[in-house]
Protein backbone atom coordinates (compact mmCIF):
# COMPACT_ATOMS: atom_id res chain seq x y z
CA MET A 1 -37.33 -56.68 -10.42
CA ALA A 2 -40.83 -55.51 -10.76
CA THR A 3 -41.77 -53.52 -13.78
CA ARG A 4 -42.43 -49.79 -13.27
CA HIS A 5 -43.75 -47.27 -15.68
CA ASP A 6 -40.28 -45.56 -15.77
CA ASP A 7 -38.10 -48.78 -15.74
CA PRO A 8 -35.92 -49.88 -18.69
CA ILE A 9 -38.58 -52.05 -20.31
CA ARG A 10 -41.63 -49.70 -20.20
CA GLY A 11 -41.29 -46.46 -21.93
CA THR A 12 -42.31 -43.02 -20.69
CA ALA A 13 -42.55 -40.31 -23.48
CA ARG A 14 -45.66 -41.42 -25.44
CA GLY A 15 -47.79 -38.29 -26.07
CA THR A 16 -51.16 -39.56 -27.17
CA ALA A 17 -49.85 -42.90 -28.68
CA PRO A 18 -51.63 -45.78 -26.82
CA VAL A 19 -48.29 -47.54 -26.19
CA PRO A 20 -44.59 -46.35 -26.30
CA LEU A 21 -43.22 -46.34 -29.85
CA SER A 22 -39.72 -47.53 -30.87
CA VAL A 23 -37.49 -48.09 -33.88
CA LEU A 24 -36.30 -51.15 -35.78
CA ASP A 25 -33.48 -50.18 -38.29
CA LEU A 26 -32.39 -52.59 -40.90
CA ALA A 27 -29.74 -50.13 -42.06
CA THR A 28 -31.05 -50.69 -45.71
CA VAL A 29 -28.85 -49.94 -48.65
CA GLY A 30 -30.75 -48.31 -51.60
CA SER A 31 -30.04 -48.42 -55.22
CA GLY A 32 -27.27 -45.61 -55.90
CA THR A 33 -26.13 -45.42 -52.29
CA THR A 34 -23.58 -47.24 -50.25
CA ALA A 35 -23.38 -48.98 -47.08
CA GLY A 36 -21.69 -46.04 -45.46
CA ASP A 37 -24.57 -43.85 -46.56
CA ALA A 38 -26.81 -46.49 -44.87
CA LEU A 39 -24.96 -46.24 -41.64
CA ARG A 40 -24.74 -42.37 -41.66
CA THR A 41 -28.52 -42.49 -41.88
CA SER A 42 -28.87 -44.84 -38.92
CA VAL A 43 -27.03 -42.28 -36.88
CA GLU A 44 -29.39 -39.58 -38.28
CA LEU A 45 -32.48 -41.67 -37.39
CA ALA A 46 -31.20 -42.66 -33.91
CA ARG A 47 -30.47 -38.96 -32.95
CA THR A 48 -33.86 -37.79 -34.40
CA THR A 49 -35.91 -40.41 -32.82
CA GLU A 50 -34.09 -39.84 -29.61
CA ARG A 51 -34.99 -36.25 -29.93
CA ARG A 52 -38.64 -37.08 -30.65
CA GLY A 53 -39.30 -39.36 -27.75
CA TYR A 54 -39.08 -42.85 -29.25
CA HIS A 55 -38.21 -45.33 -26.43
CA ARG A 56 -35.74 -47.74 -27.89
CA TYR A 57 -33.74 -48.08 -31.17
CA TRP A 58 -32.58 -51.65 -32.31
CA VAL A 59 -30.83 -52.85 -35.28
CA ALA A 60 -31.28 -56.29 -36.92
CA GLU A 61 -28.62 -59.09 -37.88
CA HIS A 62 -28.83 -60.10 -41.52
CA HIS A 63 -26.21 -61.74 -43.52
CA SER A 64 -25.22 -62.03 -47.33
CA MET A 65 -27.92 -59.38 -48.38
CA PRO A 66 -26.95 -56.53 -50.54
CA GLY A 67 -29.66 -54.37 -49.51
CA ILE A 68 -28.95 -54.53 -45.73
CA ALA A 69 -25.80 -53.20 -43.95
CA SER A 70 -26.64 -54.56 -40.38
CA SER A 71 -24.70 -57.74 -40.45
CA SER A 72 -23.03 -57.01 -37.13
CA PRO A 73 -25.28 -55.33 -34.56
CA ALA A 74 -22.74 -54.85 -31.77
CA VAL A 75 -20.36 -52.68 -34.03
CA ILE A 76 -23.33 -50.51 -35.20
CA LEU A 77 -24.69 -50.18 -31.65
CA SER A 78 -21.39 -49.05 -30.29
CA HIS A 79 -21.22 -46.33 -33.03
CA LEU A 80 -24.86 -45.35 -32.14
CA ALA A 81 -24.12 -45.26 -28.39
CA ALA A 82 -21.36 -42.48 -29.25
CA HIS A 83 -23.83 -40.48 -31.13
CA THR A 84 -26.97 -40.54 -28.64
CA ASP A 85 -27.41 -39.94 -24.98
CA ARG A 86 -30.77 -41.19 -23.66
CA ILE A 87 -32.57 -43.64 -26.12
CA ARG A 88 -32.20 -47.24 -25.32
CA LEU A 89 -30.08 -49.16 -27.97
CA GLY A 90 -30.37 -52.97 -28.77
CA SER A 91 -30.35 -55.78 -31.08
CA GLY A 92 -33.48 -56.95 -32.97
CA GLY A 93 -31.97 -59.18 -32.82
CA VAL A 94 -28.78 -61.04 -32.26
CA MET A 95 -29.26 -64.62 -34.04
CA LEU A 96 -27.87 -66.58 -31.10
CA PRO A 97 -27.35 -69.89 -32.73
CA ASN A 98 -24.73 -67.96 -35.02
CA HIS A 99 -22.48 -67.07 -32.25
CA ALA A 100 -20.75 -68.40 -29.11
CA PRO A 101 -22.71 -67.30 -26.06
CA LEU A 102 -19.48 -65.95 -24.44
CA VAL A 103 -18.82 -63.84 -27.35
CA ILE A 104 -22.09 -62.14 -27.12
CA ALA A 105 -21.85 -61.67 -23.51
CA GLU A 106 -18.51 -59.88 -24.05
CA GLN A 107 -20.04 -57.75 -26.95
CA PHE A 108 -22.97 -56.76 -24.91
CA GLY A 109 -21.20 -56.27 -21.64
CA THR A 110 -18.87 -53.90 -23.58
CA LEU A 111 -21.82 -52.04 -25.00
CA GLU A 112 -23.21 -51.79 -21.42
CA ALA A 113 -20.02 -50.24 -20.16
CA LEU A 114 -20.17 -47.66 -23.16
CA ALA A 115 -23.79 -46.85 -22.50
CA PRO A 116 -24.80 -47.91 -18.93
CA GLY A 117 -28.46 -48.77 -18.46
CA ARG A 118 -29.27 -48.23 -22.08
CA ILE A 119 -28.53 -51.61 -23.61
CA ASP A 120 -31.17 -54.26 -24.76
CA LEU A 121 -30.01 -57.75 -26.03
CA GLY A 122 -32.79 -59.02 -28.26
CA LEU A 123 -32.22 -62.69 -29.26
CA GLY A 124 -33.63 -64.80 -32.01
CA ARG A 125 -33.06 -68.36 -33.14
CA ALA A 126 -33.37 -68.07 -36.80
CA PRO A 127 -30.09 -67.68 -38.93
CA GLY A 128 -31.05 -64.40 -40.44
CA THR A 129 -29.81 -65.71 -43.91
CA ASP A 130 -29.98 -68.58 -46.20
CA GLY A 131 -28.80 -72.06 -45.15
CA ALA A 132 -25.41 -71.87 -47.00
CA THR A 133 -24.56 -68.50 -45.28
CA ALA A 134 -25.68 -69.90 -41.89
CA ALA A 135 -23.37 -72.89 -42.19
CA ALA A 136 -20.49 -70.70 -43.02
CA LEU A 137 -21.33 -68.63 -39.93
CA ARG A 138 -21.59 -71.63 -37.70
CA ARG A 139 -19.01 -73.83 -39.44
CA THR A 140 -21.49 -76.56 -39.40
CA ASP A 141 -24.24 -77.81 -41.56
CA ARG A 142 -26.29 -79.05 -38.81
CA LEU A 143 -28.52 -75.94 -38.68
CA ASN A 144 -31.48 -77.41 -37.02
CA GLU A 145 -29.25 -78.66 -34.06
CA GLY A 146 -28.40 -74.92 -33.41
CA ALA A 147 -32.19 -73.97 -33.37
CA ASP A 148 -33.18 -76.85 -31.21
CA ASP A 149 -30.33 -75.97 -28.68
CA PHE A 150 -31.54 -72.47 -28.26
CA PRO A 151 -32.87 -72.73 -24.74
CA GLN A 152 -29.47 -74.24 -23.58
CA GLN A 153 -27.54 -71.55 -25.59
CA LEU A 154 -29.80 -68.82 -23.82
CA ALA A 155 -29.09 -70.16 -20.31
CA GLU A 156 -25.44 -70.28 -20.97
CA LEU A 157 -25.39 -66.65 -22.16
CA THR A 158 -27.38 -65.61 -19.11
CA ARG A 159 -24.86 -67.24 -16.87
CA PHE A 160 -22.08 -65.43 -18.52
CA LEU A 161 -23.69 -62.14 -18.15
CA ASP A 162 -24.66 -62.72 -14.53
CA ASP A 163 -21.31 -64.57 -13.84
CA ASP A 164 -23.07 -67.30 -11.74
CA PHE A 165 -21.93 -70.53 -13.12
CA PRO A 166 -22.23 -73.02 -10.11
CA ASP A 167 -18.93 -74.42 -8.63
CA GLY A 168 -17.86 -77.40 -10.47
CA HIS A 169 -19.36 -76.25 -14.00
CA PRO A 170 -16.58 -76.53 -16.50
CA TYR A 171 -17.15 -72.71 -17.17
CA SER A 172 -17.12 -71.74 -13.34
CA ARG A 173 -13.79 -70.10 -13.58
CA ILE A 174 -14.66 -68.13 -16.92
CA HIS A 175 -15.74 -64.56 -16.68
CA ALA A 176 -17.20 -62.30 -19.50
CA VAL A 177 -15.72 -59.12 -19.34
CA PRO A 178 -16.62 -56.32 -19.05
CA GLY A 179 -19.04 -57.92 -16.56
CA PRO A 180 -19.75 -58.53 -12.83
CA VAL A 181 -16.50 -60.09 -11.88
CA GLN A 182 -15.15 -56.73 -12.28
CA ALA A 183 -17.53 -54.99 -9.82
CA THR A 184 -16.66 -57.80 -7.44
CA ALA A 185 -13.00 -57.09 -7.79
CA ALA A 186 -13.51 -53.54 -7.22
CA GLY A 187 -15.40 -54.16 -4.08
CA GLY A 188 -18.72 -53.50 -5.62
CA VAL A 189 -17.83 -50.02 -6.65
CA GLN A 190 -18.57 -50.68 -10.40
CA SER A 191 -22.06 -50.85 -11.87
CA THR A 192 -23.52 -54.52 -11.99
CA ASP A 193 -26.07 -53.60 -14.52
CA ARG A 194 -26.40 -55.94 -17.30
CA PRO A 195 -28.12 -55.67 -20.76
CA GLN A 196 -31.84 -56.51 -20.58
CA ILE A 197 -32.60 -59.78 -22.45
CA TRP A 198 -35.61 -59.84 -24.72
CA LEU A 199 -36.78 -62.94 -26.85
CA LEU A 200 -37.71 -62.41 -30.44
CA GLY A 201 -40.00 -64.50 -32.63
CA SER A 202 -42.17 -64.99 -35.59
CA SER A 203 -43.95 -68.15 -34.33
CA GLY A 204 -45.05 -69.85 -31.03
CA PHE A 205 -41.60 -71.35 -29.93
CA SER A 206 -39.96 -68.11 -28.45
CA ALA A 207 -43.29 -66.88 -27.28
CA ARG A 208 -43.61 -69.77 -24.94
CA LEU A 209 -40.09 -69.76 -23.98
CA ALA A 210 -40.27 -66.05 -23.11
CA GLY A 211 -43.46 -66.57 -21.02
CA THR A 212 -41.99 -69.50 -19.09
CA LEU A 213 -38.83 -67.54 -18.27
CA GLY A 214 -40.71 -64.41 -17.53
CA LEU A 215 -38.83 -62.44 -20.07
CA PRO A 216 -40.25 -59.67 -22.42
CA PHE A 217 -41.21 -60.83 -25.76
CA SER A 218 -41.09 -59.02 -29.22
CA PHE A 219 -42.95 -60.42 -32.16
CA ALA A 220 -42.31 -59.94 -35.77
CA HIS A 221 -45.73 -58.81 -36.90
CA HIS A 222 -44.18 -56.97 -39.91
CA PHE A 223 -43.49 -60.13 -41.61
CA SER A 224 -45.51 -62.81 -39.81
CA ALA A 225 -48.76 -60.95 -39.06
CA GLN A 226 -50.98 -63.96 -39.37
CA ASN A 227 -49.25 -65.57 -36.16
CA THR A 228 -49.29 -62.22 -34.01
CA ILE A 229 -52.41 -62.82 -32.21
CA PRO A 230 -51.79 -66.71 -31.50
CA ALA A 231 -48.13 -65.94 -30.42
CA LEU A 232 -49.14 -63.20 -27.99
CA ASP A 233 -51.70 -65.17 -26.66
CA LEU A 234 -49.57 -67.97 -26.05
CA TYR A 235 -46.81 -65.77 -24.39
CA ARG A 236 -49.35 -64.41 -21.89
CA GLU A 237 -50.83 -67.92 -21.27
CA SER A 238 -47.31 -69.42 -20.52
CA PHE A 239 -45.98 -66.26 -18.45
CA ARG A 240 -44.53 -66.88 -15.08
CA PRO A 241 -43.28 -63.95 -12.93
CA SER A 242 -39.59 -63.49 -12.63
CA GLU A 243 -36.88 -61.23 -11.27
CA ILE A 244 -37.22 -59.34 -14.56
CA LEU A 245 -41.10 -59.02 -14.88
CA ASP A 246 -44.02 -59.22 -12.63
CA GLU A 247 -46.36 -59.36 -15.76
CA PRO A 248 -46.12 -60.23 -19.44
CA TYR A 249 -44.56 -57.37 -21.72
CA ALA A 250 -45.14 -57.88 -25.29
CA MET A 251 -43.89 -55.60 -28.12
CA ILE A 252 -44.71 -56.06 -31.96
CA GLY A 253 -42.61 -54.96 -34.83
CA VAL A 254 -44.76 -53.00 -37.45
CA ALA A 255 -43.85 -51.76 -40.89
CA ALA A 256 -45.00 -48.13 -40.97
CA LEU A 257 -44.44 -45.25 -43.32
CA ALA A 258 -46.04 -41.83 -43.16
CA THR A 259 -45.77 -38.99 -45.85
CA GLU A 260 -47.80 -35.88 -46.32
CA ASP A 261 -49.73 -37.39 -49.40
CA GLU A 262 -51.31 -40.85 -49.48
CA ARG A 263 -50.29 -41.74 -53.03
CA GLU A 264 -46.66 -40.73 -52.17
CA ALA A 265 -46.81 -43.29 -49.24
CA ARG A 266 -47.91 -46.09 -51.66
CA ARG A 267 -45.23 -44.99 -54.03
CA GLN A 268 -42.47 -45.29 -51.38
CA ILE A 269 -43.54 -48.45 -49.82
CA MET A 270 -43.47 -50.05 -53.13
CA THR A 271 -39.66 -50.09 -52.99
CA GLY A 272 -39.67 -52.22 -50.03
CA ALA A 273 -42.31 -54.59 -51.52
CA LEU A 274 -40.21 -55.02 -54.78
CA SER A 275 -37.16 -55.55 -52.69
CA MET A 276 -38.84 -58.20 -50.58
CA LEU A 277 -40.34 -59.84 -53.79
CA ARG A 278 -36.72 -60.25 -55.10
CA LEU A 279 -35.26 -61.67 -51.95
CA ARG A 280 -38.11 -64.13 -51.64
CA THR A 281 -37.56 -65.36 -55.20
CA GLY A 282 -33.82 -65.64 -54.82
CA ARG A 283 -32.69 -62.39 -56.33
CA PRO A 284 -31.57 -60.15 -53.44
CA GLY A 285 -30.28 -56.81 -54.47
CA LEU A 286 -30.12 -53.20 -53.27
CA VAL A 287 -33.38 -51.40 -52.48
CA PRO A 288 -34.78 -50.06 -55.69
CA THR A 289 -35.78 -46.51 -56.10
CA PRO A 290 -39.32 -45.47 -56.51
CA GLU A 291 -38.84 -45.08 -60.32
CA GLU A 292 -37.32 -48.46 -60.62
CA ALA A 293 -40.38 -49.86 -58.77
CA GLU A 294 -42.92 -48.11 -60.90
CA ALA A 295 -41.02 -49.31 -63.94
CA TYR A 296 -41.17 -52.93 -62.90
CA SER A 297 -43.51 -55.31 -64.74
CA PHE A 298 -45.06 -57.49 -62.26
CA ASN A 299 -46.62 -60.86 -63.36
CA GLY A 300 -49.76 -62.20 -61.70
CA LEU A 301 -48.05 -64.19 -58.92
CA GLU A 302 -45.83 -61.36 -58.16
CA GLN A 303 -48.68 -58.78 -58.17
CA ASP A 304 -50.46 -61.18 -55.54
CA PHE A 305 -47.53 -61.44 -53.45
CA VAL A 306 -46.95 -57.73 -53.37
CA GLU A 307 -50.54 -56.84 -52.63
CA LYS A 308 -50.64 -59.35 -49.72
CA TRP A 309 -47.16 -57.83 -48.51
CA LEU A 310 -48.54 -54.44 -48.55
CA THR A 311 -51.68 -55.16 -46.58
CA ASN A 312 -49.34 -55.55 -43.31
CA ILE A 313 -47.69 -52.19 -43.84
CA VAL A 314 -49.23 -49.22 -41.99
CA HIS A 315 -48.96 -46.28 -44.49
CA GLY A 316 -50.53 -43.26 -45.70
CA THR A 317 -50.85 -39.63 -44.06
CA PRO A 318 -49.70 -39.10 -40.67
CA ASP A 319 -53.44 -39.32 -39.44
CA GLN A 320 -53.91 -42.53 -41.47
CA VAL A 321 -50.94 -44.09 -39.80
CA ARG A 322 -51.93 -43.11 -36.28
CA ASP A 323 -55.25 -44.42 -36.96
CA GLY A 324 -53.73 -47.77 -38.31
CA LEU A 325 -51.23 -47.94 -35.24
CA ASP A 326 -54.06 -47.28 -32.79
CA GLY A 327 -56.10 -49.98 -34.31
CA LEU A 328 -53.22 -52.46 -34.28
CA ALA A 329 -52.45 -51.80 -30.68
CA LYS A 330 -56.14 -52.39 -29.78
CA ARG A 331 -56.29 -55.71 -31.54
CA THR A 332 -53.20 -57.10 -30.36
CA GLY A 333 -53.09 -55.66 -26.74
CA ALA A 334 -49.37 -54.83 -27.41
CA ASP A 335 -47.56 -53.16 -24.54
CA GLU A 336 -45.13 -51.29 -27.18
CA MET A 337 -44.72 -50.95 -30.98
CA MET A 338 -41.53 -50.90 -32.81
CA LEU A 339 -41.65 -49.18 -36.06
CA THR A 340 -39.65 -49.93 -39.22
CA ALA A 341 -39.76 -47.73 -42.23
CA ASN A 342 -39.95 -49.39 -45.67
CA ALA A 343 -38.55 -46.84 -48.10
CA HIS A 344 -35.61 -46.36 -50.46
CA GLY A 345 -34.61 -42.99 -49.35
CA ALA A 346 -33.14 -41.66 -46.26
CA ALA A 347 -34.89 -38.52 -46.12
CA GLU A 348 -38.22 -40.25 -46.56
CA ARG A 349 -37.61 -42.61 -43.69
CA VAL A 350 -36.40 -39.85 -41.36
CA ARG A 351 -39.27 -37.65 -42.12
CA SER A 352 -41.73 -40.53 -41.57
CA TYR A 353 -40.56 -40.92 -38.06
CA GLU A 354 -40.93 -37.24 -37.49
CA LEU A 355 -44.59 -37.13 -38.98
CA ILE A 356 -45.58 -40.30 -36.86
CA ALA A 357 -44.11 -38.45 -33.78
CA ASP A 358 -46.15 -35.17 -34.66
CA ALA A 359 -49.35 -37.13 -35.08
CA TYR A 360 -49.05 -38.42 -31.56
CA GLY A 361 -47.72 -35.07 -30.03
CA LEU A 362 -44.44 -36.72 -29.04
CA PRO A 363 -41.77 -34.36 -27.52
CA GLY A 364 -39.21 -32.43 -29.69
CA GLY A 365 -41.77 -31.24 -32.25
CA PRO A 366 -42.31 -27.89 -33.92
CA GLY A 367 -41.98 -25.03 -31.37
CA ALA A 368 -40.31 -27.30 -28.77
């Protein structure tokens, strides 16, 4: 399928933004709140960003992290599908080595049946957690084996989604349902659409694989900024046209937070920075409040980590965030940017997406 400006991959409502804007939601759980609060915020965010013209809304897969409620993307996406009408919904991403490909084909086939033509299946090969938790998920301690098998797992998943294992294959009589077999049984009456597969990555492995297979690629700039340009260059150099894409399509994940006041933006993003520091030093917990972050006493090494982390977060007033995103789009040549808001409070995160939409003149703003 050749890409078009209005196809499921390329967004349309972008106002004055250089590329379509989308949303990555980790369903963060802040200090003093619950997982239920976080998931209700996800619904509010999805409805708000749909109204404001964001192109897609993805949820992540993380495990054994108290400050994140998105351990089961398919479950969350089914709930979001019931509360939205147009915005594309997807995983950012499903960590495929943690799951049997048939299970993922069934889950996302179900989502496609619930929200036809709106489902993205973003796939990664990292565990999305620590080694012990990954071993519990996979019921094996051979974790590298799962990552190394990713291309084979991807091929198996694709065949389940397309229902096209060749005759003689051990799985040729197995059908992922909902899926194409039901359209065949119904004489072609049912939709044969399937989720749009994306590859996700923070290094060159998935970039090269996505290019070779002619798939859209999403790079985790928000936590691997030093690898962004090399990975995107590798993706474009490796790209081969496919039935999905005639030309490369690269999206980058960007941490971004806008507030009316520049100093308040810095105050808010410190909550995410402290949360990441604790995670990286083996002390994961709920996302701290701004007051907790202000009261924390950073030692020299911790301060260096935080300052380096903050350099990759686009933050400030709406105009400052707009300028930062414009510059990032120009430097990377990204075809789309997926924004994730690092802040403790639900209201601050929702407001940030509204302010960024206003800065770019996206639909649904004041007076709409």
